[in-house]
Structures are given as structure tokens and as C-alpha cells.
PDB file of N, CA and C in Angstrom:
ATOM      1  N   UNK A   1       0.855  -1.182   0.000  1.00  0.00           N
ATOM      2  CA  UNK A   1       0.000   0.000   0.000  1.00  0.00           C
ATOM      3  C   UNK A   1       0.891   1.231   0.000  1.00  0.00           C
ATOM      4  N   UNK A   2       0.620   2.139  -0.914  1.00  0.00           N
ATOM      5  CA  UNK A   2       1.357   3.404  -0.974  1.00  0.00           C
ATOM      6  C   UNK A   2       0.539   4.460  -0.239  1.00  0.00           C
ATOM      7  N   UNK A   3       1.180   5.168   0.680  1.00  0.00           N
ATOM      8  CA  UNK A   3       0.557   6.308   1.354  1.00  0.00           C
ATOM      9  C   UNK A   3       1.314   7.556   0.935  1.00  0.00           C
ATOM     10  N   UNK A   4       0.576   8.597   0.544  1.00  0.00           N
ATOM     11  CA  UNK A   4       1.222   9.819   0.087  1.00  0.00           C
ATOM     12  C   UNK A   4       0.443  11.042   0.551  1.00  0.00           C
ATOM     13  N   UNK A   5       1.171  12.062   0.962  1.00  0.00           N
ATOM     14  CA  UNK A   5       0.515  13.313   1.326  1.00  0.00           C
ATOM     15  C   UNK A   5       0.159  14.134   0.091  1.00  0.00           C
ATOM     16  N   UNK A   6       0.706  13.764  -1.052  1.00  0.00           N
ATOM     17  CA  UNK A   6       0.450  14.486  -2.293  1.00  0.00           C
ATOM     18  C   UNK A   6      -0.832  13.974  -2.954  1.00  0.00           C
ATOM     19  N   UNK A   7      -1.416  14.752  -3.864  1.00  0.00           N
ATOM     20  CA  UNK A   7      -2.653  14.310  -4.515  1.00  0.00           C
ATOM     21  C   UNK A   7      -2.430  13.292  -5.631  1.00  0.00           C
ATOM     22  N   UNK A   8      -1.174  13.048  -5.990  1.00  0.00           N
ATOM     23  CA  UNK A   8      -0.825  12.100  -7.042  1.00  0.00           C
ATOM     24  C   UNK A   8       0.402  11.314  -6.608  1.00  0.00           C
ATOM     25  N   UNK A   9       0.711  10.252  -7.350  1.00  0.00           N
ATOM     26  CA  UNK A   9       1.917   9.489  -7.108  1.00  0.00           C
ATOM     27  C   UNK A   9       2.731   9.523  -8.387  1.00  0.00           C
ATOM     28  N   UNK A  10       3.923  10.076  -8.293  1.00  0.00           N
ATOM     29  CA  UNK A  10       4.760  10.246  -9.478  1.00  0.00           C
ATOM     30  C   UNK A  10       5.009   8.908 -10.169  1.00  0.00           C
ATOM     31  N   UNK A  11       4.855   8.899 -11.486  1.00  0.00           N
ATOM     32  CA  UNK A  11       5.084   7.702 -12.280  1.00  0.00           C
ATOM     33  C   UNK A  11       3.892   6.774 -12.355  1.00  0.00           C
ATOM     34  N   UNK A  12       2.808   7.135 -11.720  1.00  0.00           N
ATOM     35  CA  UNK A  12       1.604   6.298 -11.745  1.00  0.00           C
ATOM     36  C   UNK A  12       0.395   7.190 -11.979  1.00  0.00           C
ATOM     37  N   UNK A  13      -0.621   6.615 -12.567  1.00  0.00           N
ATOM     38  CA  UNK A  13      -1.854   7.384 -12.749  1.00  0.00           C
ATOM     39  C   UNK A  13      -2.962   6.769 -11.912  1.00  0.00           C
ATOM     40  N   UNK A  14      -3.839   7.627 -11.452  1.00  0.00           N
ATOM     41  CA  UNK A  14      -4.970   7.155 -10.665  1.00  0.00           C
ATOM     42  C   UNK A  14      -6.007   6.582 -11.617  1.00  0.00           C
ATOM     43  N   UNK A  15      -6.342   5.322 -11.419  1.00  0.00           N
ATOM     44  CA  UNK A  15      -7.304   4.623 -12.264  1.00  0.00           C
ATOM     45  C   UNK A  15      -8.737   4.750 -11.726  1.00  0.00           C
ATOM     46  N   UNK A  16      -8.854   4.781 -10.387  1.00  0.00           N
ATOM     47  CA  UNK A  16     -10.181   4.813  -9.778  1.00  0.00           C
ATOM     48  C   UNK A  16     -10.089   5.404  -8.373  1.00  0.00           C
ATOM     49  N   UNK A  17     -11.046   6.260  -8.050  1.00  0.00           N
ATOM     50  CA  UNK A  17     -11.160   6.820  -6.702  1.00  0.00           C
ATOM     51  C   UNK A  17     -12.135   5.947  -5.924  1.00  0.00           C
ATOM     52  N   UNK A  18     -11.700   5.460  -4.762  1.00  0.00           N
ATOM     53  CA  UNK A  18     -12.486   4.515  -3.982  1.00  0.00           C
ATOM     54  C   UNK A  18     -13.200   5.167  -2.798  1.00  0.00           C
ATOM     55  N   UNK A  19     -12.855   6.397  -2.481  1.00  0.00           N
ATOM     56  CA  UNK A  19     -13.510   7.102  -1.375  1.00  0.00           C
ATOM     57  C   UNK A  19     -12.541   7.493  -0.268  1.00  0.00           C
ATOM     58  N   UNK A  20     -13.057   8.248   0.666  1.00  0.00           N
ATOM     59  CA  UNK A  20     -12.263   8.731   1.800  1.00  0.00           C
ATOM     60  C   UNK A  20     -12.124   7.610   2.820  1.00  0.00           C
ATOM     61  N   UNK A  21     -10.911   7.485   3.364  1.00  0.00           N
ATOM     62  CA  UNK A  21     -10.667   6.538   4.451  1.00  0.00           C
ATOM     63  C   UNK A  21     -10.081   7.298   5.633  1.00  0.00           C
ATOM     64  N   UNK A  22     -10.411   6.832   6.829  1.00  0.00           N
ATOM     65  CA  UNK A  22      -9.905   7.471   8.045  1.00  0.00           C
ATOM     66  C   UNK A  22      -9.380   6.420   9.008  1.00  0.00           C
ATOM     67  N   UNK A  23      -8.517   6.861   9.864  1.00  0.00           N
ATOM     68  CA  UNK A  23      -8.002   6.023  10.940  1.00  0.00           C
ATOM     69  C   UNK A  23      -7.824   6.886  12.167  1.00  0.00           C
ATOM     70  N   UNK A  24      -8.094   6.313  13.309  1.00  0.00           N
ATOM     71  CA  UNK A  24      -8.011   7.069  14.547  1.00  0.00           C
ATOM     72  C   UNK A  24      -7.241   6.271  15.591  1.00  0.00           C
ATOM     73  N   UNK A  25      -6.584   6.998  16.479  1.00  0.00           N
ATOM     74  CA  UNK A  25      -5.933   6.386  17.631  1.00  0.00           C
ATOM     75  C   UNK A  25      -6.058   7.359  18.790  1.00  0.00           C
ATOM     76  N   UNK A  26      -6.566   6.860  19.900  1.00  0.00           N
ATOM     77  CA  UNK A  26      -6.669   7.672  21.113  1.00  0.00           C
ATOM     78  C   UNK A  26      -5.817   6.992  22.169  1.00  0.00           C
ATOM     79  N   UNK A  27      -4.826   7.727  22.655  1.00  0.00           N
ATOM     80  CA  UNK A  27      -3.877   7.174  23.604  1.00  0.00           C
ATOM     81  C   UNK A  27      -4.007   7.909  24.929  1.00  0.00           C
ATOM     82  N   UNK A  28      -4.109   7.159  26.007  1.00  0.00           N
ATOM     83  CA  UNK A  28      -4.148   7.748  27.337  1.00  0.00           C
ATOM     84  C   UNK A  28      -2.738   7.890  27.876  1.00  0.00           C
ATOM     85  N   UNK A  29      -2.498   8.960  28.580  1.00  0.00           N
ATOM     86  CA  UNK A  29      -1.195   9.167  29.216  1.00  0.00           C
ATOM     87  C   UNK A  29      -1.357   8.875  30.702  1.00  0.00           C
ATOM     88  N   UNK A  30      -0.454   8.077  31.249  1.00  0.00           N
ATOM     89  CA  UNK A  30      -0.608   7.745  32.662  1.00  0.00           C
ATOM     90  C   UNK A  30      -0.076   8.855  33.563  1.00  0.00           C
ATOM     91  N   UNK A  31      -0.372   8.751  34.825  1.00  0.00           N
ATOM     92  CA  UNK A  31      -0.065   9.788  35.801  1.00  0.00           C
ATOM     93  C   UNK A  31       1.426  10.085  35.890  1.00  0.00           C
ATOM     94  N   UNK A  32       2.286   9.056  35.891  1.00  0.00           N
ATOM     95  CA  UNK A  32       3.721   9.290  36.024  1.00  0.00           C
ATOM     96  C   UNK A  32       4.282   9.990  34.790  1.00  0.00           C
ATOM     97  N   UNK A  33       3.823   9.593  33.602  1.00  0.00           N
ATOM     98  CA  UNK A  33       4.276  10.281  32.391  1.00  0.00           C
ATOM     99  C   UNK A  33       3.864  11.747  32.449  1.00  0.00           C
ATOM    100  N   UNK A  34       2.618  12.011  32.884  1.00  0.00           N
ATOM    101  CA  UNK A  34       2.136  13.386  32.996  1.00  0.00           C
ATOM    102  C   UNK A  34       3.004  14.191  33.956  1.00  0.00           C
ATOM    103  N   UNK A  35       3.313  13.595  35.096  1.00  0.00           N
ATOM    104  CA  UNK A  35       4.099  14.280  36.112  1.00  0.00           C
ATOM    105  C   UNK A  35       5.485  14.639  35.585  1.00  0.00           C
ATOM    106  N   UNK A  36       6.187  13.648  35.024  1.00  0.00           N
ATOM    107  CA  UNK A  36       7.540  13.903  34.542  1.00  0.00           C
ATOM    108  C   UNK A  36       7.555  14.792  33.305  1.00  0.00           C
ATOM    109  N   UNK A  37       6.538  14.692  32.461  1.00  0.00           N
ATOM    110  CA  UNK A  37       6.448  15.593  31.302  1.00  0.00           C
ATOM    111  C   UNK A  37       6.269  17.022  31.785  1.00  0.00           C
ATOM    112  N   UNK A  38       5.462  17.207  32.835  1.00  0.00           N
ATOM    113  CA  UNK A  38       5.272  18.537  33.411  1.00  0.00           C
ATOM    114  C   UNK A  38       6.562  19.120  33.934  1.00  0.00           C
ATOM    115  N   UNK A  39       7.377  18.298  34.592  1.00  0.00           N
ATOM    116  CA  UNK A  39       8.673  18.759  35.094  1.00  0.00           C
ATOM    117  C   UNK A  39       9.569  19.150  33.926  1.00  0.00           C
ATOM    118  N   UNK A  40       9.600  18.344  32.870  1.00  0.00           N
ATOM    119  CA  UNK A  40      10.429  18.678  31.706  1.00  0.00           C
ATOM    120  C   UNK A  40       9.966  19.982  31.067  1.00  0.00           C
ATOM    121  N   UNK A  41       8.639  20.181  31.023  1.00  0.00           N
ATOM    122  CA  UNK A  41       8.131  21.428  30.447  1.00  0.00           C
ATOM    123  C   UNK A  41       8.618  22.628  31.253  1.00  0.00           C
ATOM    124  N   UNK A  42       8.664  22.488  32.571  1.00  0.00           N
ATOM    125  CA  UNK A  42       9.107  23.592  33.428  1.00  0.00           C
ATOM    126  C   UNK A  42      10.575  23.903  33.197  1.00  0.00           C
ATOM    127  N   UNK A  43      11.413  22.878  33.069  1.00  0.00           N
ATOM    128  CA  UNK A  43      12.850  23.104  32.907  1.00  0.00           C
ATOM    129  C   UNK A  43      13.272  23.187  31.443  1.00  0.00           C
ATOM    130  N   UNK A  44      12.350  23.028  30.519  1.00  0.00           N
ATOM    131  CA  UNK A  44      12.646  23.251  29.106  1.00  0.00           C
ATOM    132  C   UNK A  44      13.116  22.052  28.326  1.00  0.00           C
ATOM    133  N   UNK A  45      12.942  20.845  28.832  1.00  0.00           N
ATOM    134  CA  UNK A  45      13.381  19.658  28.102  1.00  0.00           C
ATOM    135  C   UNK A  45      12.280  19.090  27.226  1.00  0.00           C
ATOM    136  N   UNK A  46      12.638  18.048  26.482  1.00  0.00           N
ATOM    137  CA  UNK A  46      11.655  17.353  25.648  1.00  0.00           C
ATOM    138  C   UNK A  46      11.063  16.204  26.445  1.00  0.00           C
ATOM    139  N   UNK A  47       9.838  15.857  26.143  1.00  0.00           N
ATOM    140  CA  UNK A  47       9.182  14.749  26.817  1.00  0.00           C
ATOM    141  C   UNK A  47       9.255  13.507  25.938  1.00  0.00           C
ATOM    142  N   UNK A  48      10.243  12.655  26.205  1.00  0.00           N
ATOM    143  CA  UNK A  48      10.421  11.439  25.416  1.00  0.00           C
ATOM    144  C   UNK A  48       9.215  10.516  25.545  1.00  0.00           C
ATOM    145  N   UNK A  49       8.595  10.484  26.726  1.00  0.00           N
ATOM    146  CA  UNK A  49       7.439   9.614  26.931  1.00  0.00           C
ATOM    147  C   UNK A  49       6.284  10.022  26.014  1.00  0.00           C
ATOM    148  N   UNK A  50       6.015  11.322  25.927  1.00  0.00           N
ATOM    149  CA  UNK A  50       4.934  11.785  25.054  1.00  0.00           C
ATOM    150  C   UNK A  50       5.294  11.603  23.584  1.00  0.00           C
ATOM    151  N   UNK A  51       6.550  11.855  23.232  1.00  0.00           N
ATOM    152  CA  UNK A  51       6.963  11.668  21.846  1.00  0.00           C
ATOM    153  C   UNK A  51       6.786  10.212  21.419  1.00  0.00           C
ATOM    154  N   UNK A  52       7.124   9.302  22.302  1.00  0.00           N
ATOM    155  CA  UNK A  52       6.962   7.872  22.012  1.00  0.00           C
ATOM    156  C   UNK A  52       5.489   7.523  21.806  1.00  0.00           C
ATOM    157  N   UNK A  53       4.611   8.047  22.651  1.00  0.00           N
ATOM    158  CA  UNK A  53       3.172   7.798  22.517  1.00  0.00           C
ATOM    159  C   UNK A  53       2.627   8.425  21.240  1.00  0.00           C
ATOM    160  N   UNK A  54       3.120   9.600  20.883  1.00  0.00           N
ATOM    161  CA  UNK A  54       2.685  10.274  19.660  1.00  0.00           C
ATOM    162  C   UNK A  54       3.058   9.449  18.438  1.00  0.00           C
ATOM    163  N   UNK A  55       4.279   8.946  18.405  1.00  0.00           N
ATOM    164  CA  UNK A  55       4.727   8.114  17.284  1.00  0.00           C
ATOM    165  C   UNK A  55       3.887   6.845  17.197  1.00  0.00           C
ATOM    166  N   UNK A  56       3.589   6.250  18.338  1.00  0.00           N
ATOM    167  CA  UNK A  56       2.760   5.034  18.365  1.00  0.00           C
ATOM    168  C   UNK A  56       1.350   5.328  17.847  1.00  0.00           C
ATOM    169  N   UNK A  57       0.772   6.450  18.250  1.00  0.00           N
ATOM    170  CA  UNK A  57      -0.569   6.831  17.793  1.00  0.00           C
ATOM    171  C   UNK A  57      -0.581   7.090  16.286  1.00  0.00           C
ATOM    172  N   UNK A  58       0.450   7.761  15.767  1.00  0.00           N
ATOM    173  CA  UNK A  58       0.543   8.006  14.323  1.00  0.00           C
ATOM    174  C   UNK A  58       0.574   6.686  13.563  1.00  0.00           C
ATOM    175  N   UNK A  59       1.380   5.755  14.041  1.00  0.00           N
ATOM    176  CA  UNK A  59       1.524   4.456  13.385  1.00  0.00           C
ATOM    177  C   UNK A  59       0.186   3.723  13.347  1.00  0.00           C
ATOM    178  N   UNK A  60      -0.533   3.727  14.454  1.00  0.00           N
ATOM    179  CA  UNK A  60      -1.834   3.053  14.518  1.00  0.00           C
ATOM    180  C   UNK A  60      -2.813   3.687  13.537  1.00  0.00           C
ATOM    181  N   UNK A  61      -2.898   5.025  13.529  1.00  0.00           N
ATOM    182  CA  UNK A  61      -3.837   5.721  12.644  1.00  0.00           C
ATOM    183  C   UNK A  61      -3.516   5.444  11.175  1.00  0.00           C
ATOM    184  N   UNK A  62      -2.231   5.438  10.815  1.00  0.00           N
ATOM    185  CA  UNK A  62      -1.844   5.159   9.428  1.00  0.00           C
ATOM    186  C   UNK A  62      -2.109   3.699   9.056  1.00  0.00           C
ATOM    187  N   UNK A  63      -1.877   2.783   9.977  1.00  0.00           N
ATOM    188  CA  UNK A  63      -2.189   1.374   9.709  1.00  0.00           C
ATOM    189  C   UNK A  63      -3.685   1.183   9.472  1.00  0.00           C
ATOM    190  N   UNK A  64      -4.505   1.942  10.201  1.00  0.00           N
ATOM    191  CA  UNK A  64      -5.952   1.850  10.007  1.00  0.00           C
ATOM    192  C   UNK A  64      -6.379   2.324   8.625  1.00  0.00           C
ATOM    193  N   UNK A  65      -5.796   3.426   8.123  1.00  0.00           N
ATOM    194  CA  UNK A  65      -6.217   3.852   6.785  1.00  0.00           C
ATOM    195  C   UNK A  65      -5.735   2.866   5.730  1.00  0.00           C
ATOM    196  N   UNK A  66      -4.569   2.260   5.944  1.00  0.00           N
ATOM    197  CA  UNK A  66      -4.111   1.222   5.015  1.00  0.00           C
ATOM    198  C   UNK A  66      -5.103   0.056   4.991  1.00  0.00           C
ATOM    199  N   UNK A  67      -5.499  -0.383   6.165  1.00  0.00           N
ATOM    200  CA  UNK A  67      -6.437  -1.509   6.274  1.00  0.00           C
ATOM    201  C   UNK A  67      -7.779  -1.173   5.618  1.00  0.00           C
ATOM    202  N   UNK A  68      -8.305   0.008   5.903  1.00  0.00           N
ATOM    203  CA  UNK A  68      -9.599   0.401   5.345  1.00  0.00           C
ATOM    204  C   UNK A  68      -9.524   0.601   3.831  1.00  0.00           C
ATOM    205  N   UNK A  69      -8.390   1.092   3.343  1.00  0.00           N
ATOM    206  CA  UNK A  69      -8.214   1.244   1.897  1.00  0.00           C
ATOM    207  C   UNK A  69      -8.175  -0.128   1.225  1.00  0.00           C
ATOM    208  N   UNK A  70      -7.469  -1.070   1.831  1.00  0.00           N
ATOM    209  CA  UNK A  70      -7.396  -2.426   1.276  1.00  0.00           C
ATOM    210  C   UNK A  70      -8.780  -3.070   1.253  1.00  0.00           C
ATOM    211  N   UNK A  71      -9.603  -2.791   2.247  1.00  0.00           N
ATOM    212  CA  UNK A  71     -10.958  -3.362   2.296  1.00  0.00           C
ATOM    213  C   UNK A  71     -11.814  -2.930   1.114  1.00  0.00           C
ATOM    214  N   UNK A  72     -11.565  -1.740   0.586  1.00  0.00           N
ATOM    215  CA  UNK A  72     -12.349  -1.266  -0.562  1.00  0.00           C
ATOM    216  C   UNK A  72     -11.644  -1.531  -1.883  1.00  0.00           C
ATOM    217  N   UNK A  73     -10.524  -2.252  -1.857  1.00  0.00           N
ATOM    218  CA  UNK A  73      -9.833  -2.633  -3.081  1.00  0.00           C
ATOM    219  C   UNK A  73      -8.798  -1.649  -3.588  1.00  0.00           C
ATOM    220  N   UNK A  74      -8.411  -0.698  -2.766  1.00  0.00           N
ATOM    221  CA  UNK A  74      -7.415   0.301  -3.180  1.00  0.00           C
ATOM    222  C   UNK A  74      -6.000  -0.250  -3.013  1.00  0.00           C
ATOM    223  N   UNK A  75      -5.069   0.328  -3.757  1.00  0.00           N
ATOM    224  CA  UNK A  75      -3.664  -0.027  -3.573  1.00  0.00           C
ATOM    225  C   UNK A  75      -2.819   1.186  -3.186  1.00  0.00           C
ATOM    226  N   UNK A  76      -3.502   2.322  -2.912  1.00  0.00           N
ATOM    227  CA  UNK A  76      -2.804   3.527  -2.471  1.00  0.00           C
ATOM    228  C   UNK A  76      -3.797   4.462  -1.782  1.00  0.00           C
ATOM    229  N   UNK A  77      -3.247   5.371  -0.990  1.00  0.00           N
ATOM    230  CA  UNK A  77      -4.044   6.437  -0.372  1.00  0.00           C
ATOM    231  C   UNK A  77      -3.298   7.734  -0.640  1.00  0.00           C
ATOM    232  N   UNK A  78      -3.975   8.686  -1.266  1.00  0.00           N
ATOM    233  CA  UNK A  78      -3.371   9.980  -1.575  1.00  0.00           C
ATOM    234  C   UNK A  78      -3.995  11.068  -0.706  1.00  0.00           C
ATOM    235  N   UNK A  79      -3.287  12.187  -0.615  1.00  0.00           N
ATOM    236  CA  UNK A  79      -3.787  13.310   0.173  1.00  0.00           C
ATOM    237  C   UNK A  79      -3.845  13.003   1.656  1.00  0.00           C
ATOM    238  N   UNK A  80      -2.932  12.182   2.141  1.00  0.00           N
ATOM    239  CA  UNK A  80      -2.955  11.790   3.548  1.00  0.00           C
ATOM    240  C   UNK A  80      -2.678  13.003   4.431  1.00  0.00           C
ATOM    241  N   UNK A  81      -3.492  13.126   5.473  1.00  0.00           N
ATOM    242  CA  UNK A  81      -3.373  14.228   6.423  1.00  0.00           C
ATOM    243  C   UNK A  81      -3.446  13.655   7.829  1.00  0.00           C
ATOM    244  N   UNK A  82      -2.582  14.142   8.711  1.00  0.00           N
ATOM    245  CA  UNK A  82      -2.606  13.749  10.117  1.00  0.00           C
ATOM    246  C   UNK A  82      -3.029  14.944  10.952  1.00  0.00           C
ATOM    247  N   UNK A  83      -3.945  14.712  11.883  1.00  0.00           N
ATOM    248  CA  UNK A  83      -4.390  15.758  12.802  1.00  0.00           C
ATOM    249  C   UNK A  83      -4.224  15.263  14.228  1.00  0.00           C
ATOM    250  N   UNK A  84      -3.980  16.207  15.134  1.00  0.00           N
ATOM    251  CA  UNK A  84      -3.718  15.885  16.525  1.00  0.00           C
ATOM    252  C   UNK A  84      -4.636  16.701  17.421  1.00  0.00           C
ATOM    253  N   UNK A  85      -5.173  16.061  18.449  1.00  0.00           N
ATOM    254  CA  UNK A  85      -6.039  16.743  19.417  1.00  0.00           C
ATOM    255  C   UNK A  85      -5.744  16.191  20.804  1.00  0.00           C
ATOM    256  N   UNK A  86      -5.934  17.024  21.815  1.00  0.00           N
ATOM    257  CA  UNK A  86      -5.890  16.569  23.190  1.00  0.00           C
ATOM    258  C   UNK A  86      -7.329  16.439  23.651  1.00  0.00           C
ATOM    259  N   UNK A  87      -7.649  15.285  24.214  1.00  0.00           N
ATOM    260  CA  UNK A  87      -9.011  15.011  24.674  1.00  0.00           C
ATOM    261  C   UNK A  87      -8.998  14.942  26.200  1.00  0.00           C
ATOM    262  N   UNK A  88      -9.778  15.787  26.840  1.00  0.00           N
ATOM    263  CA  UNK A  88      -9.915  15.805  28.304  1.00  0.00           C
ATOM    264  C   UNK A  88      -8.574  15.915  29.030  1.00  0.00           C
ATOM    265  N   UNK A  89      -7.634  16.614  28.481  1.00  0.00           N
ATOM    266  CA  UNK A  89      -6.330  16.901  29.088  1.00  0.00           C
ATOM    267  C   UNK A  89      -5.478  15.678  29.403  1.00  0.00           C
ATOM    268  N   UNK A  90      -5.977  14.475  29.195  1.00  0.00           N
ATOM    269  CA  UNK A  90      -5.189  13.292  29.545  1.00  0.00           C
ATOM    270  C   UNK A  90      -5.061  12.307  28.394  1.00  0.00           C
ATOM    271  N   UNK A  91      -5.703  12.598  27.287  1.00  0.00           N
ATOM    272  CA  UNK A  91      -5.654  11.675  26.159  1.00  0.00           C
ATOM    273  C   UNK A  91      -5.256  12.414  24.893  1.00  0.00           C
ATOM    274  N   UNK A  92      -4.507  11.719  24.065  1.00  0.00           N
ATOM    275  CA  UNK A  92      -4.054  12.264  22.795  1.00  0.00           C
ATOM    276  C   UNK A  92      -4.780  11.520  21.681  1.00  0.00           C
ATOM    277  N   UNK A  93      -5.375  12.263  20.754  1.00  0.00           N
ATOM    278  CA  UNK A  93      -6.053  11.647  19.617  1.00  0.00           C
ATOM    279  C   UNK A  93      -5.326  12.042  18.338  1.00  0.00           C
ATOM    280  N   UNK A  94      -4.998  11.042  17.552  1.00  0.00           N
ATOM    281  CA  UNK A  94      -4.398  11.270  16.231  1.00  0.00           C
ATOM    282  C   UNK A  94      -5.367  10.703  15.204  1.00  0.00           C
ATOM    283  N   UNK A  95      -5.725  11.503  14.220  1.00  0.00           N
ATOM    284  CA  UNK A  95      -6.574  11.029  13.137  1.00  0.00           C
ATOM    285  C   UNK A  95      -5.810  11.154  11.829  1.00  0.00           C
ATOM    286  N   UNK A  96      -5.975  10.157  10.989  1.00  0.00           N
ATOM    287  CA  UNK A  96      -5.383  10.160   9.656  1.00  0.00           C
ATOM    288  C   UNK A  96      -6.521  10.042   8.660  1.00  0.00           C
ATOM    289  N   UNK A  97      -6.425  10.766   7.566  1.00  0.00           N
ATOM    290  CA  UNK A  97      -7.449  10.661   6.522  1.00  0.00           C
ATOM    291  C   UNK A  97      -6.783  10.818   5.165  1.00  0.00           C
ATOM    292  N   UNK A  98      -7.454  10.311   4.160  1.00  0.00           N
ATOM    293  CA  UNK A  98      -6.950  10.418   2.797  1.00  0.00           C
ATOM    294  C   UNK A  98      -7.956   9.813   1.842  1.00  0.00           C
ATOM    295  N   UNK A  99      -7.623   9.819   0.574  1.00  0.00           N
ATOM    296  CA  UNK A  99      -8.488   9.253  -0.453  1.00  0.00           C
ATOM    297  C   UNK A  99      -7.899   7.941  -0.943  1.00  0.00           C
ATOM    298  N   UNK A 100      -8.678   6.868  -0.783  1.00  0.00           N
ATOM    299  CA  UNK A 100      -8.259   5.554  -1.267  1.00  0.00           C
ATOM    300  C   UNK A 100      -8.410   5.528  -2.782  1.00  0.00           C
ATOM    301  N   UNK A 101      -7.371   5.044  -3.463  1.00  0.00           N
ATOM    302  CA  UNK A 101      -7.375   5.016  -4.930  1.00  0.00           C
ATOM    303  C   UNK A 101      -6.745   3.720  -5.436  1.00  0.00           C
ATOM    304  N   UNK A 102      -7.067   3.410  -6.687  1.00  0.00           N
ATOM    305  CA  UNK A 102      -6.337   2.375  -7.423  1.00  0.00           C
ATOM    306  C   UNK A 102      -5.416   3.115  -8.370  1.00  0.00           C
ATOM    307  N   UNK A 103      -4.120   2.790  -8.285  1.00  0.00           N
ATOM    308  CA  UNK A 103      -3.161   3.428  -9.173  1.00  0.00           C
ATOM    309  C   UNK A 103      -2.597   2.386 -10.122  1.00  0.00           C
ATOM    310  N   UNK A 104      -2.125   2.865 -11.267  1.00  0.00           N
ATOM    311  CA  UNK A 104      -1.515   1.977 -12.272  1.00  0.00           C
ATOM    312  C   UNK A 104      -0.168   1.474 -11.756  1.00  0.00           C
ATOM    313  N   UNK A 105       0.330   0.445 -12.415  1.00  0.00           N
ATOM    314  CA  UNK A 105       1.666  -0.050 -12.105  1.00  0.00           C
ATOM    315  C   UNK A 105       2.683   1.015 -12.497  1.00  0.00           C
ATOM    316  N   UNK A 106       3.847   0.966 -11.869  1.00  0.00           N
ATOM    317  CA  UNK A 106       4.903   1.940 -12.155  1.00  0.00           C
ATOM    318  C   UNK A 106       5.322   1.860 -13.628  1.00  0.00           C
ATOM    319  N   UNK A 107       5.405   3.042 -14.240  1.00  0.00           N
ATOM    320  CA  UNK A 107       5.885   3.102 -15.623  1.00  0.00           C
ATOM    321  C   UNK A 107       7.376   2.872 -15.647  1.00  0.00           C
ATOM    322  N   UNK A 108       7.854   2.175 -16.662  1.00  0.00           N
ATOM    323  CA  UNK A 108       9.297   1.888 -16.746  1.00  0.00           C
ATOM    324  C   UNK A 108       9.955   2.738 -17.768  1.00  0.00           C
TER     325      UNK A 108
END
């Protein structure tokens, strides 16, 4: 499955548009991560715990759009967009969306 933030894939043409696909991941942050992240914010450091959770949430959301695109017979998703939200101050939500498409084989 090809995922692209662009509306096209170089060297291939879009044969069919299959529709919009989305993927979501909501990750809870535990109390200790919150506490230590708060301390890092005060002293100006980076929060490795939150960065790790963010990367994990992105991966889950992107895997979901791949799965949903495959379910409708697509072999690529174009126009992929990632959005981030904080839910109730303790949860991180990452959503991925894009257009599932069938693309031609790579031109040689």
C-alpha cells in the first residue's frame, strides 16, 4: 500500500477513486508520564514519553487507513493528512485521513 501526502503518485496514474478513508488512535497518558512531562516542560526539556506515545498513535492511525483502503480494493491512499487533538487533558487523539485510490503499475 502506498501512502502519500500528495494528490498524485509520481510515475503512476490514478485509475479509480475509492472514497475517503480514516483512521483514529486515542492514547491515554498515565499519571507518572504526565508528572515527569510537566517537570520537563518547566525546565525546558523534551518529553520522550509523550513523543513515544505520539509516534505510536501516528503508526496506529496510518495502519488503520491502510487496512480500510485495502478493504475497498485500493492499492494507495493519496492526500494523507494527520491531525492531533488533546481530549480531556489526559488523552491524545491522532486522526489520519486520505483518499483511497487504485493506481496503475509503475511506468518503466
